[in-house]
């Protein structure tokens, strides 16, 4: 179970404070894949980072029961000054996983070759995404946090990524943030909308979709 309690987050900008999360609370029960829709820039990734623990809210708290992933699709959790392999070693210590098993899996899955022993700051954005996705698939989490991207690389790599991801989602609960209605519909059972700092719940996905299209996107449905 994941629960957020009275979470608030404010960013300081040249135009003054900007509230992206305004005292929001919600419970994400196990077995119920939940999608959070929102326009670009409304704070979806910030919320996911707070849930994952890589960012601290200004107020409120997050309750986690079970193993929760970092946001898949987000490679900011890597130490860019050290190699991909050294990052794996650190993550294995952090999550109490077998380094030998995880290293073998990621080396085969991510297809980075010699770059595994080079600093992450020498990687292209696509290579970083491959490493992040590969590491995520190597760990068995109870909750997977998905930030837009679920597959990267060429068509062959995307097919391989999808196969592994489908296996993981059959065994775990997904929490997905996206601006794409199609992504949310494909992956999730329930839909929320993040709008003007508030996390809005609806009686049905149809109602959530209508609100998102008409109010958030300004298009009559």
Protein backbone atom coordinates (compact mmCIF):
# COMPACT_ATOMS: atom_id res chain seq x y z
CA UNK A 1 0.00 0.00 0.00
CA UNK A 2 1.10 3.55 -0.77
CA UNK A 3 -0.63 6.52 0.84
CA UNK A 4 0.13 10.22 0.52
CA UNK A 5 -1.02 12.45 3.34
CA UNK A 6 -1.48 16.23 2.88
CA UNK A 7 1.40 16.57 0.41
CA UNK A 8 2.36 20.08 -0.68
CA UNK A 9 5.18 21.29 -2.89
CA UNK A 10 6.04 24.86 -3.88
CA UNK A 11 8.75 25.95 -6.31
CA UNK A 12 10.37 29.37 -6.17
CA UNK A 13 10.41 31.09 -9.56
CA UNK A 14 11.33 34.55 -10.86
CA UNK A 15 7.61 35.32 -10.92
CA UNK A 16 7.15 34.21 -7.33
CA UNK A 17 6.14 30.96 -5.62
CA UNK A 18 4.41 28.34 -7.77
CA UNK A 19 2.37 25.67 -6.00
CA UNK A 20 2.41 22.40 -7.93
CA UNK A 21 0.96 20.14 -5.21
CA UNK A 22 -1.58 21.67 -2.86
CA UNK A 23 -2.34 19.58 0.25
CA UNK A 24 -3.21 16.38 -1.63
CA UNK A 25 -4.00 12.99 -0.11
CA UNK A 26 -4.75 9.62 -1.68
CA UNK A 27 -4.39 5.89 -1.04
CA UNK A 28 -3.03 3.64 -3.81
CA UNK A 29 -4.04 0.09 -2.84
CA UNK A 30 -2.14 -2.98 -4.07
CA UNK A 31 -3.59 -4.67 -7.14
CA UNK A 32 -5.20 -1.49 -8.51
CA UNK A 33 -3.15 0.05 -11.34
CA UNK A 34 -3.66 3.80 -11.12
CA UNK A 35 -2.95 6.46 -13.72
CA UNK A 36 -2.51 10.17 -13.04
CA UNK A 37 -3.29 12.37 -16.04
CA UNK A 38 -1.99 15.90 -16.29
CA UNK A 39 -0.72 18.46 -18.76
CA UNK A 40 3.03 18.94 -19.13
CA UNK A 41 4.48 20.95 -16.28
CA UNK A 42 1.69 20.47 -13.73
CA UNK A 43 3.84 18.46 -11.31
CA UNK A 44 3.26 14.80 -12.25
CA UNK A 45 6.95 13.87 -12.18
CA UNK A 46 7.41 15.81 -8.96
CA UNK A 47 4.60 13.85 -7.33
CA UNK A 48 6.06 10.55 -8.53
CA UNK A 49 9.51 11.50 -7.24
CA UNK A 50 8.02 12.35 -3.85
CA UNK A 51 6.20 9.01 -3.75
CA UNK A 52 9.43 7.22 -4.69
CA UNK A 53 11.41 9.10 -2.06
CA UNK A 54 13.88 10.92 -4.31
CA UNK A 55 12.26 14.30 -3.60
CA UNK A 56 11.05 15.76 -0.31
CA UNK A 57 7.66 17.50 -0.02
CA UNK A 58 7.40 20.87 1.68
CA UNK A 59 4.62 19.45 3.84
CA UNK A 60 2.92 16.10 4.38
CA UNK A 61 4.21 12.56 4.37
CA UNK A 62 4.28 9.40 2.26
CA UNK A 63 3.40 6.00 3.72
CA UNK A 64 4.85 2.97 1.93
CA UNK A 65 4.27 -0.69 2.64
CA UNK A 66 6.14 -2.99 0.27
CA UNK A 67 9.00 -2.40 -2.16
CA UNK A 68 8.55 0.69 -4.31
CA UNK A 69 10.60 1.35 -7.45
CA UNK A 70 12.17 4.61 -8.50
CA UNK A 71 10.34 6.32 -11.40
CA UNK A 72 10.90 4.24 -14.54
CA UNK A 73 11.65 6.58 -17.42
CA UNK A 74 13.57 8.86 -15.06
CA UNK A 75 17.37 8.44 -15.00
CA UNK A 76 18.12 11.26 -12.56
CA UNK A 77 18.72 8.76 -9.76
CA UNK A 78 22.09 7.72 -11.18
CA UNK A 79 25.39 9.14 -9.98
CA UNK A 80 26.59 10.45 -13.33
CA UNK A 81 30.23 10.68 -12.26
CA UNK A 82 30.62 6.92 -11.83
CA UNK A 83 30.07 4.01 -14.21
CA UNK A 84 26.84 2.20 -14.91
CA UNK A 85 28.24 -0.90 -13.22
CA UNK A 86 29.23 1.05 -10.11
CA UNK A 87 25.71 2.49 -9.98
CA UNK A 88 24.36 -1.06 -10.07
CA UNK A 89 26.59 -2.05 -7.16
CA UNK A 90 25.28 0.86 -5.07
CA UNK A 91 21.63 0.07 -5.90
CA UNK A 92 22.11 -3.58 -5.00
CA UNK A 93 23.45 -2.60 -1.59
CA UNK A 94 20.56 -0.17 -1.14
CA UNK A 95 17.88 -2.75 -2.01
CA UNK A 96 19.73 -5.80 -0.61
CA UNK A 97 19.86 -7.55 -3.99
CA UNK A 98 22.48 -9.90 -5.44
CA UNK A 99 24.97 -7.80 -7.39
CA UNK A 100 26.08 -10.77 -9.51
CA UNK A 101 22.49 -11.51 -10.60
CA UNK A 102 21.54 -7.88 -11.26
CA UNK A 103 24.78 -7.12 -13.09
CA UNK A 104 24.38 -10.15 -15.38
CA UNK A 105 20.76 -9.25 -16.14
CA UNK A 106 21.41 -5.57 -16.88
CA UNK A 107 24.53 -6.28 -18.94
CA UNK A 108 22.51 -8.61 -21.17
CA UNK A 109 19.32 -6.55 -21.20
CA UNK A 110 20.61 -2.99 -21.69
CA UNK A 111 23.14 -3.93 -24.41
CA UNK A 112 25.55 -1.15 -23.41
CA UNK A 113 28.76 -3.14 -23.89
CA UNK A 114 31.91 -1.34 -22.76
CA UNK A 115 29.85 1.66 -21.67
CA UNK A 116 28.85 -0.29 -18.55
CA UNK A 117 32.33 0.58 -17.23
CA UNK A 118 32.23 4.23 -18.31
CA UNK A 119 30.80 7.19 -16.37
CA UNK A 120 27.08 7.71 -16.89
CA UNK A 121 27.79 11.32 -17.94
CA UNK A 122 29.28 9.90 -21.16
CA UNK A 123 26.00 8.17 -22.05
CA UNK A 124 23.48 9.50 -24.53
CA UNK A 125 19.97 10.07 -23.18
CA UNK A 126 18.87 6.85 -24.89
CA UNK A 127 21.65 4.87 -23.23
CA UNK A 128 20.74 6.28 -19.82
CA UNK A 129 17.11 5.31 -20.41
CA UNK A 130 18.17 1.76 -21.36
CA UNK A 131 20.24 1.48 -18.20
CA UNK A 132 17.40 2.86 -16.04
CA UNK A 133 14.83 0.53 -17.59
CA UNK A 134 17.14 -2.47 -17.38
CA UNK A 135 17.88 -1.88 -13.70
CA UNK A 136 14.17 -1.44 -12.99
CA UNK A 137 13.36 -4.77 -14.62
CA UNK A 138 16.15 -6.53 -12.67
CA UNK A 139 14.48 -5.77 -9.33
CA UNK A 140 11.23 -7.29 -8.13
CA UNK A 141 9.09 -4.47 -6.75
CA UNK A 142 5.59 -4.49 -5.31
CA UNK A 143 4.91 -1.09 -6.91
CA UNK A 144 6.36 0.20 -10.17
CA UNK A 145 6.36 3.97 -10.64
CA UNK A 146 6.09 4.81 -14.35
CA UNK A 147 6.94 8.29 -15.64
CA UNK A 148 5.68 8.37 -19.25
CA UNK A 149 8.33 6.06 -20.75
CA UNK A 150 7.94 2.27 -20.64
CA UNK A 151 10.10 1.30 -23.63
CA UNK A 152 13.15 2.85 -25.29
CA UNK A 153 15.55 2.12 -28.12
CA UNK A 154 14.96 0.58 -31.54
CA UNK A 155 12.01 -1.65 -32.43
CA UNK A 156 13.76 -4.88 -31.37
CA UNK A 157 14.77 -3.43 -28.00
CA UNK A 158 11.27 -2.04 -27.50
CA UNK A 159 9.76 -5.49 -28.08
CA UNK A 160 12.13 -7.00 -25.54
CA UNK A 161 11.35 -4.20 -23.07
CA UNK A 162 7.62 -4.70 -23.48
CA UNK A 163 7.91 -8.44 -22.87
CA UNK A 164 9.77 -7.92 -19.59
CA UNK A 165 7.49 -5.07 -18.56
CA UNK A 166 4.35 -7.13 -19.20
CA UNK A 167 5.77 -9.86 -16.97
CA UNK A 168 6.47 -7.39 -14.17
CA UNK A 169 3.08 -5.69 -14.38
CA UNK A 170 1.36 -9.08 -14.03
CA UNK A 171 3.07 -9.52 -10.67
CA UNK A 172 3.00 -5.97 -9.26
CA UNK A 173 0.95 -2.77 -9.01
CA UNK A 174 1.54 0.18 -11.35
CA UNK A 175 1.36 3.87 -10.59
CA UNK A 176 1.62 5.77 -13.88
CA UNK A 177 1.84 9.50 -14.61
CA UNK A 178 1.32 10.72 -18.16
CA UNK A 179 -0.22 13.42 -20.32
CA UNK A 180 -1.31 10.68 -22.74
CA UNK A 181 -4.82 9.28 -22.37
CA UNK A 182 -3.79 6.25 -24.44
CA UNK A 183 -0.94 5.34 -22.08
CA UNK A 184 -3.20 5.54 -19.02
CA UNK A 185 -5.96 3.50 -20.68
CA UNK A 186 -3.50 0.82 -21.77
CA UNK A 187 -1.86 0.34 -18.38
CA UNK A 188 -4.34 1.35 -15.69
CA UNK A 189 -7.61 0.34 -14.05
CA UNK A 190 -8.30 3.70 -12.42
CA UNK A 191 -7.69 7.26 -13.50
CA UNK A 192 -6.96 10.44 -11.50
CA UNK A 193 -6.32 13.96 -12.80
CA UNK A 194 -3.71 16.38 -11.47
CA UNK A 195 -4.98 19.90 -12.11
CA UNK A 196 -3.99 23.21 -10.53
CA UNK A 197 -2.23 21.49 -7.65
CA UNK A 198 -5.14 19.20 -6.78
CA UNK A 199 -5.36 15.44 -7.31
CA UNK A 200 -8.90 14.83 -8.50
CA UNK A 201 -10.71 11.50 -8.23
CA UNK A 202 -13.79 10.56 -10.25
CA UNK A 203 -16.49 7.91 -10.11
CA UNK A 204 -15.46 6.56 -13.52
CA UNK A 205 -12.65 6.77 -16.06
CA UNK A 206 -15.11 8.31 -18.52
CA UNK A 207 -15.70 11.23 -16.14
CA UNK A 208 -11.96 11.67 -15.59
CA UNK A 209 -11.35 11.64 -19.35
CA UNK A 210 -14.11 14.20 -19.95
CA UNK A 211 -12.70 16.55 -17.30
CA UNK A 212 -9.16 16.20 -18.62
CA UNK A 213 -10.10 16.86 -22.24
CA UNK A 214 -12.57 19.70 -21.60
CA UNK A 215 -11.05 21.48 -18.60
CA UNK A 216 -7.33 20.66 -18.62
CA UNK A 217 -6.87 20.63 -22.39
CA UNK A 218 -9.66 23.09 -23.24
CA UNK A 219 -11.19 20.92 -25.94
CA UNK A 220 -14.96 20.20 -26.04
CA UNK A 221 -15.69 16.48 -25.98
